[in-house]
PDB file of all heavy atoms in Angstrom:
ATOM      1  N   LEU A   1       5.454   3.477   0.470  1.00  0.00           N
ATOM      2  CA  LEU A   1       5.236   2.666  -0.789  1.00  0.00           C
ATOM      3  C   LEU A   1       5.013   1.252  -0.430  1.00  0.00           C
ATOM      4  O   LEU A   1       5.317   0.814   0.694  1.00  0.00           O
ATOM      5  CB  LEU A   1       6.503   2.822  -1.719  1.00  0.00           C
ATOM      6  CG  LEU A   1       6.921   4.159  -2.153  1.00  0.00           C
ATOM      7  CD1 LEU A   1       8.283   4.237  -2.875  1.00  0.00           C
ATOM      8  CD2 LEU A   1       5.833   4.761  -3.097  1.00  0.00           C
ATOM      9  N   ASP A   2       4.476   0.455  -1.366  1.00  0.00           N
ATOM     10  CA  ASP A   2       4.217  -0.978  -1.063  1.00  0.00           C
ATOM     11  C   ASP A   2       5.144  -1.783  -1.914  1.00  0.00           C
ATOM     12  O   ASP A   2       5.926  -1.290  -2.853  1.00  0.00           O
ATOM     13  CB  ASP A   2       2.787  -1.330  -1.313  1.00  0.00           C
ATOM     14  CG  ASP A   2       2.370  -1.165  -2.759  1.00  0.00           C
ATOM     15  OD1 ASP A   2       3.037  -1.560  -3.637  1.00  0.00           O
ATOM     16  OD2 ASP A   2       1.254  -0.522  -3.046  1.00  0.00           O
ATOM     17  N   ASP A   3       5.152  -3.037  -1.704  1.00  0.00           N
ATOM     18  CA  ASP A   3       6.122  -3.963  -2.272  1.00  0.00           C
ATOM     19  C   ASP A   3       5.894  -4.181  -3.818  1.00  0.00           C
ATOM     20  O   ASP A   3       6.778  -4.907  -4.454  1.00  0.00           O
ATOM     21  CB  ASP A   3       6.164  -5.355  -1.580  1.00  0.00           C
ATOM     22  CG  ASP A   3       4.858  -6.113  -1.578  1.00  0.00           C
ATOM     23  OD1 ASP A   3       3.852  -5.600  -2.144  1.00  0.00           O
ATOM     24  OD2 ASP A   3       4.753  -7.245  -1.025  1.00  0.00           O
ATOM     25  N   SER A   4       4.777  -3.737  -4.358  1.00  0.00           N
ATOM     26  CA  SER A   4       4.649  -3.770  -5.787  1.00  0.00           C
ATOM     27  C   SER A   4       5.740  -3.047  -6.567  1.00  0.00           C
ATOM     28  O   SER A   4       6.020  -3.247  -7.710  1.00  0.00           O
ATOM     29  CB  SER A   4       3.339  -3.348  -6.240  1.00  0.00           C
ATOM     30  OG  SER A   4       3.188  -1.918  -6.011  1.00  0.00           O
ATOM     31  N   ALA A   5       6.420  -2.176  -5.795  1.00  0.00           N
ATOM     32  CA  ALA A   5       7.494  -1.284  -6.364  1.00  0.00           C
ATOM     33  C   ALA A   5       8.780  -2.097  -6.564  1.00  0.00           C
ATOM     34  O   ALA A   5       9.602  -1.720  -7.352  1.00  0.00           O
ATOM     35  CB  ALA A   5       7.763  -0.081  -5.497  1.00  0.00           C
ATOM     36  N   LEU A   6       8.989  -3.265  -5.863  1.00  0.00           N
ATOM     37  CA  LEU A   6      10.169  -3.872  -5.860  1.00  0.00           C
ATOM     38  C   LEU A   6      10.704  -4.372  -7.248  1.00  0.00           C
ATOM     39  O   LEU A   6      11.859  -4.346  -7.497  1.00  0.00           O
ATOM     40  CB  LEU A   6      10.163  -5.107  -4.879  1.00  0.00           C
ATOM     41  CG  LEU A   6      10.042  -4.720  -3.464  1.00  0.00           C
ATOM     42  CD1 LEU A   6       9.804  -6.093  -2.635  1.00  0.00           C
ATOM     43  CD2 LEU A   6      11.255  -4.060  -2.955  1.00  0.00           C
ATOM     44  N   THR A   7       9.799  -4.792  -8.138  1.00  0.00           N
ATOM     45  CA  THR A   7      10.201  -5.337  -9.398  1.00  0.00           C
ATOM     46  C   THR A   7      10.135  -4.282 -10.483  1.00  0.00           C
ATOM     47  O   THR A   7      10.443  -4.520 -11.706  1.00  0.00           O
ATOM     48  CB  THR A   7       9.188  -6.489  -9.846  1.00  0.00           C
ATOM     49  OG1 THR A   7       7.862  -5.945  -9.904  1.00  0.00           O
ATOM     50  CG2 THR A   7       9.329  -7.534  -8.813  1.00  0.00           C
ATOM     51  N   ARG A   8      10.016  -2.992 -10.191  1.00  0.00           N
ATOM     52  CA  ARG A   8       9.866  -1.897 -11.175  1.00  0.00           C
ATOM     53  C   ARG A   8      11.108  -1.154 -11.227  1.00  0.00           C
ATOM     54  O   ARG A   8      11.990  -1.281 -10.365  1.00  0.00           O
ATOM     55  CB  ARG A   8       8.626  -1.004 -10.815  1.00  0.00           C
ATOM     56  CG  ARG A   8       7.323  -1.753 -10.891  1.00  0.00           C
ATOM     57  CD  ARG A   8       6.280  -1.035 -10.202  1.00  0.00           C
ATOM     58  NE  ARG A   8       6.011   0.378 -10.853  1.00  0.00           N
ATOM     59  CZ  ARG A   8       5.236   1.203 -10.212  1.00  0.00           C
ATOM     60  NH1 ARG A   8       4.665   0.975  -9.065  1.00  0.00           N
ATOM     61  NH2 ARG A   8       4.992   2.364 -10.862  1.00  0.00           N
ATOM     62  N   TYR A   9      11.200  -0.365 -12.296  1.00  0.00           N
ATOM     63  CA  TYR A   9      12.473   0.519 -12.574  1.00  0.00           C
ATOM     64  C   TYR A   9      12.186   1.921 -12.219  1.00  0.00           C
ATOM     65  O   TYR A   9      10.944   2.400 -12.199  1.00  0.00           O
ATOM     66  CB  TYR A   9      12.893   0.347 -14.047  1.00  0.00           C
ATOM     67  CG  TYR A   9      13.524  -1.063 -14.408  1.00  0.00           C
ATOM     68  CD1 TYR A   9      12.639  -2.027 -14.925  1.00  0.00           C
ATOM     69  CD2 TYR A   9      14.846  -1.305 -14.213  1.00  0.00           C
ATOM     70  CE1 TYR A   9      13.200  -3.229 -15.190  1.00  0.00           C
ATOM     71  CE2 TYR A   9      15.344  -2.584 -14.550  1.00  0.00           C
ATOM     72  CZ  TYR A   9      14.505  -3.580 -15.043  1.00  0.00           C
ATOM     73  OH  TYR A   9      15.033  -4.789 -15.357  1.00  0.00           O
ATOM     74  N   PRO A  10      13.238   2.696 -11.988  1.00  0.00           N
ATOM     75  CA  PRO A  10      13.069   4.076 -11.568  1.00  0.00           C
ATOM     76  C   PRO A  10      12.217   4.978 -12.444  1.00  0.00           C
ATOM     77  O   PRO A  10      11.413   5.789 -12.069  1.00  0.00           O
ATOM     78  CB  PRO A  10      14.506   4.629 -11.520  1.00  0.00           C
ATOM     79  CG  PRO A  10      15.339   3.416 -11.048  1.00  0.00           C
ATOM     80  CD  PRO A  10      14.668   2.367 -11.840  1.00  0.00           C
ATOM     81  N   HIS A  11      12.341   4.728 -13.827  1.00  0.00           N
ATOM     82  CA  HIS A  11      11.602   5.622 -14.743  1.00  0.00           C
ATOM     83  C   HIS A  11      10.075   5.380 -14.697  1.00  0.00           C
ATOM     84  O   HIS A  11       9.332   6.114 -15.185  1.00  0.00           O
ATOM     85  CB  HIS A  11      12.019   5.258 -16.137  1.00  0.00           C
ATOM     86  CG  HIS A  11      11.544   3.940 -16.762  1.00  0.00           C
ATOM     87  ND1 HIS A  11      12.292   2.838 -16.715  1.00  0.00           N
ATOM     88  CD2 HIS A  11      10.336   3.690 -17.331  1.00  0.00           C
ATOM     89  CE1 HIS A  11      11.586   1.800 -17.250  1.00  0.00           C
ATOM     90  NE2 HIS A  11      10.476   2.303 -17.663  1.00  0.00           N
ATOM     91  N   GLU A  12       9.660   4.285 -13.936  1.00  0.00           N
ATOM     92  CA  GLU A  12       8.285   4.056 -13.704  1.00  0.00           C
ATOM     93  C   GLU A  12       7.610   4.959 -12.612  1.00  0.00           C
ATOM     94  O   GLU A  12       6.375   4.808 -12.360  1.00  0.00           O
ATOM     95  CB  GLU A  12       7.943   2.572 -13.450  1.00  0.00           C
ATOM     96  CG  GLU A  12       8.440   1.736 -14.698  1.00  0.00           C
ATOM     97  CD  GLU A  12       8.186   0.197 -14.366  1.00  0.00           C
ATOM     98  OE1 GLU A  12       6.972  -0.155 -14.350  1.00  0.00           O
ATOM     99  OE2 GLU A  12       9.223  -0.509 -14.355  1.00  0.00           O
ATOM    100  N   PHE A  13       8.406   5.700 -11.863  1.00  0.00           N
ATOM    101  CA  PHE A  13       7.972   6.429 -10.691  1.00  0.00           C
ATOM    102  C   PHE A  13       8.013   7.908 -10.991  1.00  0.00           C
ATOM    103  O   PHE A  13       8.815   8.429 -11.693  1.00  0.00           O
ATOM    104  CB  PHE A  13       8.855   6.027  -9.543  1.00  0.00           C
ATOM    105  CG  PHE A  13       8.670   4.542  -9.101  1.00  0.00           C
ATOM    106  CD1 PHE A  13       9.546   3.628  -9.678  1.00  0.00           C
ATOM    107  CD2 PHE A  13       7.630   4.124  -8.274  1.00  0.00           C
ATOM    108  CE1 PHE A  13       9.485   2.310  -9.336  1.00  0.00           C
ATOM    109  CE2 PHE A  13       7.608   2.817  -7.926  1.00  0.00           C
ATOM    110  CZ  PHE A  13       8.510   1.879  -8.395  1.00  0.00           C
ATOM    111  N   SER A  14       7.221   8.615 -10.110  1.00  0.00           N
ATOM    112  CA  SER A  14       7.220  10.031 -10.208  1.00  0.00           C
ATOM    113  C   SER A  14       8.441  10.587  -9.430  1.00  0.00           C
ATOM    114  O   SER A  14       9.151   9.812  -8.768  1.00  0.00           O
ATOM    115  CB  SER A  14       5.979  10.627  -9.579  1.00  0.00           C
ATOM    116  OG  SER A  14       5.929  10.352  -8.134  1.00  0.00           O
ATOM    117  N   GLY A  15       8.744  11.913  -9.539  1.00  0.00           N
ATOM    118  CA  GLY A  15       9.819  12.412  -8.758  1.00  0.00           C
ATOM    119  C   GLY A  15       9.791  12.231  -7.274  1.00  0.00           C
ATOM    120  O   GLY A  15      10.717  11.847  -6.667  1.00  0.00           O
ATOM    121  N   GLY A  16       8.542  12.494  -6.705  1.00  0.00           N
ATOM    122  CA  GLY A  16       8.380  12.260  -5.244  1.00  0.00           C
ATOM    123  C   GLY A  16       8.538  10.815  -4.919  1.00  0.00           C
ATOM    124  O   GLY A  16       9.127  10.543  -3.740  1.00  0.00           O
ATOM    125  N   GLN A  17       8.019   9.928  -5.660  1.00  0.00           N
ATOM    126  CA  GLN A  17       8.221   8.507  -5.367  1.00  0.00           C
ATOM    127  C   GLN A  17       9.762   8.168  -5.539  1.00  0.00           C
ATOM    128  O   GLN A  17      10.221   7.360  -4.573  1.00  0.00           O
ATOM    129  CB  GLN A  17       7.375   7.618  -6.411  1.00  0.00           C
ATOM    130  CG  GLN A  17       5.901   7.777  -6.104  1.00  0.00           C
ATOM    131  CD  GLN A  17       5.151   7.124  -7.193  1.00  0.00           C
ATOM    132  OE1 GLN A  17       5.542   7.030  -8.387  1.00  0.00           O
ATOM    133  NE2 GLN A  17       4.034   6.476  -6.779  1.00  0.00           N
ATOM    134  N   ARG A  18      10.486   8.634  -6.403  1.00  0.00           N
ATOM    135  CA  ARG A  18      11.826   8.297  -6.510  1.00  0.00           C
ATOM    136  C   ARG A  18      12.590   8.877  -5.332  1.00  0.00           C
ATOM    137  O   ARG A  18      13.515   8.173  -4.772  1.00  0.00           O
ATOM    138  CB  ARG A  18      12.395   8.969  -7.761  1.00  0.00           C
ATOM    139  CG  ARG A  18      11.893   8.357  -9.076  1.00  0.00           C
ATOM    140  CD  ARG A  18      12.694   8.964 -10.255  1.00  0.00           C
ATOM    141  NE  ARG A  18      11.871   8.853 -11.497  1.00  0.00           N
ATOM    142  CZ  ARG A  18      12.354   9.006 -12.739  1.00  0.00           C
ATOM    143  NH1 ARG A  18      13.674   9.198 -12.857  1.00  0.00           N
ATOM    144  NH2 ARG A  18      11.527   8.911 -13.766  1.00  0.00           N
ATOM    145  N   GLN A  19      12.254  10.027  -4.787  1.00  0.00           N
ATOM    146  CA  GLN A  19      12.926  10.559  -3.643  1.00  0.00           C
ATOM    147  C   GLN A  19      12.609   9.607  -2.425  1.00  0.00           C
ATOM    148  O   GLN A  19      13.423   9.432  -1.540  1.00  0.00           O
ATOM    149  CB  GLN A  19      12.527  11.992  -3.361  1.00  0.00           C
ATOM    150  CG  GLN A  19      13.547  12.678  -2.464  1.00  0.00           C
ATOM    151  CD  GLN A  19      14.955  12.748  -2.980  1.00  0.00           C
ATOM    152  OE1 GLN A  19      15.613  11.760  -3.182  1.00  0.00           O
ATOM    153  NE2 GLN A  19      15.494  13.910  -3.159  1.00  0.00           N
ATOM    154  N   ARG A  20      11.398   9.040  -2.389  1.00  0.00           N
ATOM    155  CA  ARG A  20      11.027   8.112  -1.307  1.00  0.00           C
ATOM    156  C   ARG A  20      11.913   6.921  -1.362  1.00  0.00           C
ATOM    157  O   ARG A  20      12.400   6.388  -0.318  1.00  0.00           O
ATOM    158  CB  ARG A  20       9.573   7.806  -1.323  1.00  0.00           C
ATOM    159  CG  ARG A  20       8.697   8.958  -0.913  1.00  0.00           C
ATOM    160  CD  ARG A  20       7.163   8.595  -1.172  1.00  0.00           C
ATOM    161  NE  ARG A  20       6.401   9.697  -0.820  1.00  0.00           N
ATOM    162  CZ  ARG A  20       5.766   9.931   0.337  1.00  0.00           C
ATOM    163  NH1 ARG A  20       5.826   9.015   1.283  1.00  0.00           N
ATOM    164  NH2 ARG A  20       4.985  11.015   0.543  1.00  0.00           N
ATOM    165  N   ILE A  21      12.188   6.417  -2.607  1.00  0.00           N
ATOM    166  CA  ILE A  21      13.036   5.255  -2.742  1.00  0.00           C
ATOM    167  C   ILE A  21      14.499   5.584  -2.392  1.00  0.00           C
ATOM    168  O   ILE A  21      15.148   4.876  -1.726  1.00  0.00           O
ATOM    169  CB  ILE A  21      12.961   4.867  -4.265  1.00  0.00           C
ATOM    170  CG1 ILE A  21      11.646   4.324  -4.647  1.00  0.00           C
ATOM    171  CG2 ILE A  21      14.132   3.718  -4.500  1.00  0.00           C
ATOM    172  CD1 ILE A  21      11.335   4.028  -6.090  1.00  0.00           C
ATOM    173  N   ASN A  22      14.934   6.838  -2.682  1.00  0.00           N
ATOM    174  CA  ASN A  22      16.267   7.269  -2.220  1.00  0.00           C
ATOM    175  C   ASN A  22      16.351   7.295  -0.697  1.00  0.00           C
ATOM    176  O   ASN A  22      17.280   6.804  -0.104  1.00  0.00           O
ATOM    177  CB  ASN A  22      16.539   8.733  -2.756  1.00  0.00           C
ATOM    178  CG  ASN A  22      17.005   8.742  -4.164  1.00  0.00           C
ATOM    179  OD1 ASN A  22      17.735   7.861  -4.602  1.00  0.00           O
ATOM    180  ND2 ASN A  22      16.582   9.697  -4.858  1.00  0.00           N
ATOM    181  N   ILE A  23      15.277   7.673  -0.024  1.00  0.00           N
ATOM    182  CA  ILE A  23      15.296   7.794   1.470  1.00  0.00           C
ATOM    183  C   ILE A  23      15.254   6.295   1.956  1.00  0.00           C
ATOM    184  O   ILE A  23      15.937   6.050   2.979  1.00  0.00           O
ATOM    185  CB  ILE A  23      14.071   8.514   1.860  1.00  0.00           C
ATOM    186  CG1 ILE A  23      14.242  10.002   1.537  1.00  0.00           C
ATOM    187  CG2 ILE A  23      13.909   8.424   3.443  1.00  0.00           C
ATOM    188  CD1 ILE A  23      12.995  10.883   1.775  1.00  0.00           C
ATOM    189  N   ALA A  24      14.533   5.435   1.413  1.00  0.00           N
ATOM    190  CA  ALA A  24      14.425   3.993   1.795  1.00  0.00           C
ATOM    191  C   ALA A  24      15.822   3.389   1.721  1.00  0.00           C
ATOM    192  O   ALA A  24      16.265   2.661   2.617  1.00  0.00           O
ATOM    193  CB  ALA A  24      13.477   3.230   0.878  1.00  0.00           C
ATOM    194  N   ARG A  25      16.557   3.628   0.659  1.00  0.00           N
ATOM    195  CA  ARG A  25      17.904   3.223   0.410  1.00  0.00           C
ATOM    196  C   ARG A  25      18.768   3.732   1.554  1.00  0.00           C
ATOM    197  O   ARG A  25      19.650   3.013   2.184  1.00  0.00           O
ATOM    198  CB  ARG A  25      18.481   3.512  -0.870  1.00  0.00           C
ATOM    199  CG  ARG A  25      19.891   3.149  -1.114  1.00  0.00           C
ATOM    200  CD  ARG A  25      20.417   3.286  -2.473  1.00  0.00           C
ATOM    201  NE  ARG A  25      20.310   4.738  -2.904  1.00  0.00           N
ATOM    202  CZ  ARG A  25      20.569   5.258  -4.077  1.00  0.00           C
ATOM    203  NH1 ARG A  25      20.900   4.364  -5.077  1.00  0.00           N
ATOM    204  NH2 ARG A  25      20.430   6.524  -4.355  1.00  0.00           N
ATOM    205  N   ALA A  26      18.713   5.070   1.907  1.00  0.00           N
ATOM    206  CA  ALA A  26      19.512   5.673   2.828  1.00  0.00           C
ATOM    207  C   ALA A  26      19.245   5.073   4.294  1.00  0.00           C
ATOM    208  O   ALA A  26      20.105   4.975   5.155  1.00  0.00           O
ATOM    209  CB  ALA A  26      19.268   7.190   2.957  1.00  0.00           C
TER     210      ALA A  26
END
């Protein structure tokens, strides 16, 4: 994912993108 995601909220992403965010946090 790119840094444009940083200012957005979870509901703005697909399920796969959200799981990528979960992995990034981990």
